[in-house]
Structure formats: C-alpha cells, structure tokens
Amino acid sequence: ENKIQQLGLPKSFCFAPYTNLDLD
C-alpha cells in the first residue's frame, strides 16, 4: 500500500481494470 501511495495513487487503487481482462 505504501508503494501505491508513493506513486500518488489512492490506497484503495487496483491495477486490474487498467491492465487485465478476464474473458469468460
């Protein structure tokens, strides 16, 4: 969480909807 915040991103942030796609 510290790494996330050091990048200026909120603590609740998740990379999944920016970098991942799940095809069912």
PDB file of all heavy atoms in Angstrom:
ATOM      1  N   GLU A   1       0.837  -1.202   0.000  1.00  0.00           N
ATOM      2  CA  GLU A   1       0.000   0.000   0.000  1.00  0.00           C
ATOM      3  C   GLU A   1       0.874   1.256   0.000  1.00  0.00           C
ATOM      4  O   GLU A   1       0.522   2.263  -0.612  1.00  0.00           O
ATOM      5  CB  GLU A   1      -0.940   0.004   1.212  1.00  0.00           C
ATOM      6  CG  GLU A   1      -1.778  -1.270   1.376  1.00  0.00           C
ATOM      7  CD  GLU A   1      -2.705  -1.542   0.195  1.00  0.00           C
ATOM      8  OE1 GLU A   1      -2.869  -0.658  -0.655  1.00  0.00           O
ATOM      9  OE2 GLU A   1      -3.248  -2.649   0.115  1.00  0.00           O
ATOM     10  N   ASN A   2       2.031   1.179   0.683  1.00  0.00           N
ATOM     11  CA  ASN A   2       2.941   2.330   0.693  1.00  0.00           C
ATOM     12  C   ASN A   2       3.464   2.621  -0.702  1.00  0.00           C
ATOM     13  O   ASN A   2       3.570   3.781  -1.105  1.00  0.00           O
ATOM     14  CB  ASN A   2       4.107   2.075   1.654  1.00  0.00           C
ATOM     15  CG  ASN A   2       3.679   2.123   3.116  1.00  0.00           C
ATOM     16  OD1 ASN A   2       2.659   2.718   3.439  1.00  0.00           O
ATOM     17  ND2 ASN A   2       4.448   1.492   3.985  1.00  0.00           N
ATOM     18  N   LYS A   3       3.801   1.568  -1.459  1.00  0.00           N
ATOM     19  CA  LYS A   3       4.279   1.763  -2.831  1.00  0.00           C
ATOM     20  C   LYS A   3       3.218   2.440  -3.682  1.00  0.00           C
ATOM     21  O   LYS A   3       3.509   3.328  -4.484  1.00  0.00           O
ATOM     22  CB  LYS A   3       4.650   0.416  -3.461  1.00  0.00           C
ATOM     23  CG  LYS A   3       5.991  -0.144  -3.048  1.00  0.00           C
ATOM     24  CD  LYS A   3       6.300  -1.385  -3.885  1.00  0.00           C
ATOM     25  CE  LYS A   3       7.643  -1.976  -3.529  1.00  0.00           C
ATOM     26  NZ  LYS A   3       7.950  -3.174  -4.357  1.00  0.00           N
ATOM     27  N   ILE A   4       1.974   1.994  -3.514  1.00  0.00           N
ATOM     28  CA  ILE A   4       0.871   2.581  -4.265  1.00  0.00           C
ATOM     29  C   ILE A   4       0.750   4.067  -3.969  1.00  0.00           C
ATOM     30  O   ILE A   4       0.641   4.910  -4.876  1.00  0.00           O
ATOM     31  CB  ILE A   4      -0.456   1.853  -3.928  1.00  0.00           C
ATOM     32  CG1 ILE A   4      -0.458   0.423  -4.487  1.00  0.00           C
ATOM     33  CG2 ILE A   4      -1.670   2.629  -4.441  1.00  0.00           C
ATOM     34  CD1 ILE A   4      -0.537   0.334  -5.984  1.00  0.00           C
ATOM     35  N   GLN A   5       0.789   4.412  -2.683  1.00  0.00           N
ATOM     36  CA  GLN A   5       0.635   5.814  -2.297  1.00  0.00           C
ATOM     37  C   GLN A   5       1.845   6.659  -2.680  1.00  0.00           C
ATOM     38  O   GLN A   5       1.710   7.850  -2.997  1.00  0.00           O
ATOM     39  CB  GLN A   5       0.341   5.897  -0.798  1.00  0.00           C
ATOM     40  CG  GLN A   5      -1.044   5.317  -0.452  1.00  0.00           C
ATOM     41  CD  GLN A   5      -1.332   5.294   1.029  1.00  0.00           C
ATOM     42  OE1 GLN A   5      -0.798   4.467   1.758  1.00  0.00           O
ATOM     43  NE2 GLN A   5      -2.149   6.211   1.474  1.00  0.00           N
ATOM     44  N   GLN A   6       3.033   6.062  -2.679  1.00  0.00           N
ATOM     45  CA  GLN A   6       4.225   6.791  -3.111  1.00  0.00           C
ATOM     46  C   GLN A   6       4.131   7.202  -4.576  1.00  0.00           C
ATOM     47  O   GLN A   6       4.719   8.206  -4.993  1.00  0.00           O
ATOM     48  CB  GLN A   6       5.468   5.934  -2.879  1.00  0.00           C
ATOM     49  CG  GLN A   6       5.878   5.816  -1.419  1.00  0.00           C
ATOM     50  CD  GLN A   6       6.939   4.751  -1.194  1.00  0.00           C
ATOM     51  OE1 GLN A   6       7.514   4.203  -2.141  1.00  0.00           O
ATOM     52  NE2 GLN A   6       7.230   4.457   0.071  1.00  0.00           N
ATOM     53  N   LEU A   7       3.383   6.423  -5.360  1.00  0.00           N
ATOM     54  CA  LEU A   7       3.174   6.765  -6.765  1.00  0.00           C
ATOM     55  C   LEU A   7       2.086   7.815  -6.951  1.00  0.00           C
ATOM     56  O   LEU A   7       1.786   8.215  -8.084  1.00  0.00           O
ATOM     57  CB  LEU A   7       2.812   5.510  -7.561  1.00  0.00           C
ATOM     58  CG  LEU A   7       3.927   4.489  -7.769  1.00  0.00           C
ATOM     59  CD1 LEU A   7       3.359   3.189  -8.332  1.00  0.00           C
ATOM     60  CD2 LEU A   7       4.996   5.040  -8.717  1.00  0.00           C
ATOM     61  N   GLY A   8       1.484   8.255  -5.853  1.00  0.00           N
ATOM     62  CA  GLY A   8       0.423   9.253  -5.938  1.00  0.00           C
ATOM     63  C   GLY A   8      -0.937   8.659  -6.252  1.00  0.00           C
ATOM     64  O   GLY A   8      -1.857   9.370  -6.669  1.00  0.00           O
ATOM     65  N   LEU A   9      -1.075   7.338  -6.040  1.00  0.00           N
ATOM     66  CA  LEU A   9      -2.346   6.667  -6.273  1.00  0.00           C
ATOM     67  C   LEU A   9      -3.055   6.454  -4.942  1.00  0.00           C
ATOM     68  O   LEU A   9      -2.407   6.323  -3.904  1.00  0.00           O
ATOM     69  CB  LEU A   9      -2.103   5.303  -6.947  1.00  0.00           C
ATOM     70  CG  LEU A   9      -1.417   5.351  -8.314  1.00  0.00           C
ATOM     71  CD1 LEU A   9      -0.976   3.956  -8.746  1.00  0.00           C
ATOM     72  CD2 LEU A   9      -2.346   5.959  -9.363  1.00  0.00           C
ATOM     73  N   PRO A  10      -4.385   6.430  -4.940  1.00  0.00           N
ATOM     74  CA  PRO A  10      -5.105   6.235  -3.673  1.00  0.00           C
ATOM     75  C   PRO A  10      -4.870   4.846  -3.093  1.00  0.00           C
ATOM     76  O   PRO A  10      -4.595   3.884  -3.816  1.00  0.00           O
ATOM     77  CB  PRO A  10      -6.573   6.440  -4.063  1.00  0.00           C
ATOM     78  CG  PRO A  10      -6.627   6.217  -5.526  1.00  0.00           C
ATOM     79  CD  PRO A  10      -5.296   6.627  -6.079  1.00  0.00           C
ATOM     80  N   LYS A  11      -4.995   4.732  -1.781  1.00  0.00           N
ATOM     81  CA  LYS A  11      -4.750   3.477  -1.071  1.00  0.00           C
ATOM     82  C   LYS A  11      -5.649   2.354  -1.584  1.00  0.00           C
ATOM     83  O   LYS A  11      -5.266   1.187  -1.605  1.00  0.00           O
ATOM     84  CB  LYS A  11      -4.971   3.686   0.423  1.00  0.00           C
ATOM     85  CG  LYS A  11      -4.663   2.480   1.282  1.00  0.00           C
ATOM     86  CD  LYS A  11      -4.879   2.790   2.760  1.00  0.00           C
ATOM     87  CE  LYS A  11      -4.575   1.565   3.614  1.00  0.00           C
ATOM     88  NZ  LYS A  11      -4.798   1.857   5.069  1.00  0.00           N
ATOM     89  N   SER A  12      -6.862   2.689  -2.018  1.00  0.00           N
ATOM     90  CA  SER A  12      -7.844   1.695  -2.478  1.00  0.00           C
ATOM     91  C   SER A  12      -7.652   1.288  -3.930  1.00  0.00           C
ATOM     92  O   SER A  12      -8.415   0.489  -4.464  1.00  0.00           O
ATOM     93  CB  SER A  12      -9.256   2.263  -2.305  1.00  0.00           C
ATOM     94  OG  SER A  12      -9.387   3.500  -3.019  1.00  0.00           O
ATOM     95  N   PHE A  13      -6.617   1.803  -4.569  1.00  0.00           N
ATOM     96  CA  PHE A  13      -6.425   1.607  -6.009  1.00  0.00           C
ATOM     97  C   PHE A  13      -6.167   0.141  -6.360  1.00  0.00           C
ATOM     98  O   PHE A  13      -5.563  -0.614  -5.592  1.00  0.00           O
ATOM     99  CB  PHE A  13      -5.245   2.459  -6.482  1.00  0.00           C
ATOM    100  CG  PHE A  13      -4.994   2.390  -7.958  1.00  0.00           C
ATOM    101  CD1 PHE A  13      -5.756   3.115  -8.848  1.00  0.00           C
ATOM    102  CD2 PHE A  13      -3.975   1.580  -8.461  1.00  0.00           C
ATOM    103  CE1 PHE A  13      -5.527   3.045 -10.212  1.00  0.00           C
ATOM    104  CE2 PHE A  13      -3.737   1.505  -9.820  1.00  0.00           C
ATOM    105  CZ  PHE A  13      -4.518   2.248 -10.693  1.00  0.00           C
ATOM    106  N   CYS A  14      -6.616  -0.243  -7.555  1.00  0.00           N
ATOM    107  CA  CYS A  14      -6.341  -1.578  -8.092  1.00  0.00           C
ATOM    108  C   CYS A  14      -5.973  -1.443  -9.565  1.00  0.00           C
ATOM    109  O   CYS A  14      -6.662  -0.772 -10.335  1.00  0.00           O
ATOM    110  CB  CYS A  14      -7.572  -2.477  -7.939  1.00  0.00           C
ATOM    111  SG  CYS A  14      -7.353  -4.143  -8.616  1.00  0.00           S
ATOM    112  N   PHE A  15      -4.884  -2.101  -9.962  1.00  0.00           N
ATOM    113  CA  PHE A  15      -4.437  -2.042 -11.352  1.00  0.00           C
ATOM    114  C   PHE A  15      -5.273  -2.910 -12.291  1.00  0.00           C
ATOM    115  O   PHE A  15      -5.204  -2.739 -13.510  1.00  0.00           O
ATOM    116  CB  PHE A  15      -2.967  -2.481 -11.455  1.00  0.00           C
ATOM    117  CG  PHE A  15      -1.974  -1.399 -11.175  1.00  0.00           C
ATOM    118  CD1 PHE A  15      -1.212  -1.420 -10.012  1.00  0.00           C
ATOM    119  CD2 PHE A  15      -1.783  -0.358 -12.073  1.00  0.00           C
ATOM    120  CE1 PHE A  15      -0.289  -0.425  -9.754  1.00  0.00           C
ATOM    121  CE2 PHE A  15      -0.853   0.642 -11.821  1.00  0.00           C
ATOM    122  CZ  PHE A  15      -0.105   0.615 -10.658  1.00  0.00           C
ATOM    123  N   ALA A  16      -6.042  -3.857 -11.744  1.00  0.00           N
ATOM    124  CA  ALA A  16      -6.723  -4.834 -12.598  1.00  0.00           C
ATOM    125  C   ALA A  16      -7.564  -4.208 -13.713  1.00  0.00           C
ATOM    126  O   ALA A  16      -7.447  -4.614 -14.874  1.00  0.00           O
ATOM    127  CB  ALA A  16      -7.565  -5.788 -11.758  1.00  0.00           C
ATOM    128  N   PRO A  17      -8.436  -3.211 -13.443  1.00  0.00           N
ATOM    129  CA  PRO A  17      -9.260  -2.682 -14.540  1.00  0.00           C
ATOM    130  C   PRO A  17      -8.503  -1.798 -15.534  1.00  0.00           C
ATOM    131  O   PRO A  17      -9.106  -1.285 -16.481  1.00  0.00           O
ATOM    132  CB  PRO A  17     -10.350  -1.884 -13.816  1.00  0.00           C
ATOM    133  CG  PRO A  17      -9.807  -1.583 -12.482  1.00  0.00           C
ATOM    134  CD  PRO A  17      -8.856  -2.692 -12.137  1.00  0.00           C
ATOM    135  N   TYR A  18      -7.195  -1.643 -15.338  1.00  0.00           N
ATOM    136  CA  TYR A  18      -6.355  -0.900 -16.274  1.00  0.00           C
ATOM    137  C   TYR A  18      -5.401  -1.813 -17.048  1.00  0.00           C
ATOM    138  O   TYR A  18      -4.930  -1.440 -18.122  1.00  0.00           O
ATOM    139  CB  TYR A  18      -5.516   0.146 -15.535  1.00  0.00           C
ATOM    140  CG  TYR A  18      -6.326   1.179 -14.802  1.00  0.00           C
ATOM    141  CD1 TYR A  18      -6.718   0.960 -13.480  1.00  0.00           C
ATOM    142  CD2 TYR A  18      -6.710   2.372 -15.414  1.00  0.00           C
ATOM    143  CE1 TYR A  18      -7.469   1.895 -12.794  1.00  0.00           C
ATOM    144  CE2 TYR A  18      -7.456   3.321 -14.731  1.00  0.00           C
ATOM    145  CZ  TYR A  18      -7.840   3.082 -13.426  1.00  0.00           C
ATOM    146  OH  TYR A  18      -8.589   4.003 -12.748  1.00  0.00           O
ATOM    147  N   THR A  19      -5.104  -2.979 -16.491  1.00  0.00           N
ATOM    148  CA  THR A  19      -4.055  -3.814 -17.087  1.00  0.00           C
ATOM    149  C   THR A  19      -4.480  -5.254 -17.334  1.00  0.00           C
ATOM    150  O   THR A  19      -3.709  -6.043 -17.872  1.00  0.00           O
ATOM    151  CB  THR A  19      -2.811  -3.854 -16.168  1.00  0.00           C
ATOM    152  OG1 THR A  19      -3.151  -4.511 -14.938  1.00  0.00           O
ATOM    153  CG2 THR A  19      -2.290  -2.458 -15.868  1.00  0.00           C
ATOM    154  N   ASN A  20      -5.685  -5.618 -16.940  1.00  0.00           N
ATOM    155  CA  ASN A  20      -6.100  -7.020 -17.005  1.00  0.00           C
ATOM    156  C   ASN A  20      -7.468  -7.132 -17.666  1.00  0.00           C
ATOM    157  O   ASN A  20      -8.302  -6.224 -17.612  1.00  0.00           O
ATOM    158  CB  ASN A  20      -6.171  -7.616 -15.596  1.00  0.00           C
ATOM    159  CG  ASN A  20      -6.485  -9.098 -15.616  1.00  0.00           C
ATOM    160  OD1 ASN A  20      -5.613  -9.922 -15.900  1.00  0.00           O
ATOM    161  ND2 ASN A  20      -7.725  -9.456 -15.325  1.00  0.00           N
ATOM    162  N   LEU A  21      -7.704  -8.279 -18.286  1.00  0.00           N
ATOM    163  CA  LEU A  21      -9.003  -8.565 -18.886  1.00  0.00           C
ATOM    164  C   LEU A  21      -9.279 -10.043 -18.688  1.00  0.00           C
ATOM    165  O   LEU A  21      -8.432 -10.897 -18.977  1.00  0.00           O
ATOM    166  CB  LEU A  21      -8.984  -8.231 -20.383  1.00  0.00           C
ATOM    167  CG  LEU A  21     -10.339  -8.069 -21.081  1.00  0.00           C
ATOM    168  CD1 LEU A  21     -11.201  -7.004 -20.403  1.00  0.00           C
ATOM    169  CD2 LEU A  21     -10.114  -7.699 -22.553  1.00  0.00           C
ATOM    170  N   ASP A  22     -10.463 -10.342 -18.169  1.00  0.00           N
ATOM    171  CA  ASP A  22     -10.860 -11.721 -17.894  1.00  0.00           C
ATOM    172  C   ASP A  22     -12.024 -12.073 -18.815  1.00  0.00           C
ATOM    173  O   ASP A  22     -13.099 -11.459 -18.737  1.00  0.00           O
ATOM    174  CB  ASP A  22     -11.280 -11.846 -16.429  1.00  0.00           C
ATOM    175  CG  ASP A  22     -11.489 -13.279 -16.010  1.00  0.00           C
ATOM    176  OD1 ASP A  22     -12.627 -13.775 -16.143  1.00  0.00           O
ATOM    177  OD2 ASP A  22     -10.530 -13.899 -15.543  1.00  0.00           O
ATOM    178  N   LEU A  23     -11.807 -13.034 -19.698  1.00  0.00           N
ATOM    179  CA  LEU A  23     -12.804 -13.397 -20.708  1.00  0.00           C
ATOM    180  C   LEU A  23     -13.412 -14.742 -20.349  1.00  0.00           C
ATOM    181  O   LEU A  23     -12.735 -15.766 -20.357  1.00  0.00           O
ATOM    182  CB  LEU A  23     -12.152 -13.466 -22.089  1.00  0.00           C
ATOM    183  CG  LEU A  23     -11.341 -12.233 -22.514  1.00  0.00           C
ATOM    184  CD1 LEU A  23     -10.720 -12.444 -23.889  1.00  0.00           C
ATOM    185  CD2 LEU A  23     -12.200 -10.977 -22.507  1.00  0.00           C
ATOM    186  N   ASP A  24     -14.700 -14.734 -20.028  1.00  0.00           N
ATOM    187  CA  ASP A  24     -15.348 -15.950 -19.542  1.00  0.00           C
ATOM    188  C   ASP A  24     -15.888 -16.776 -20.693  1.00  0.00           C
ATOM    189  O   ASP A  24     -16.120 -16.275 -21.806  1.00  0.00           O
ATOM    190  CB  ASP A  24     -16.486 -15.584 -18.591  1.00  0.00           C
ATOM    191  CG  ASP A  24     -16.785 -16.689 -17.600  1.00  0.00           C
ATOM    192  OD1 ASP A  24     -15.868 -17.465 -17.293  1.00  0.00           O
ATOM    193  OD2 ASP A  24     -17.933 -16.778 -17.135  1.00  0.00           O
TER     194      ASP A  24
END
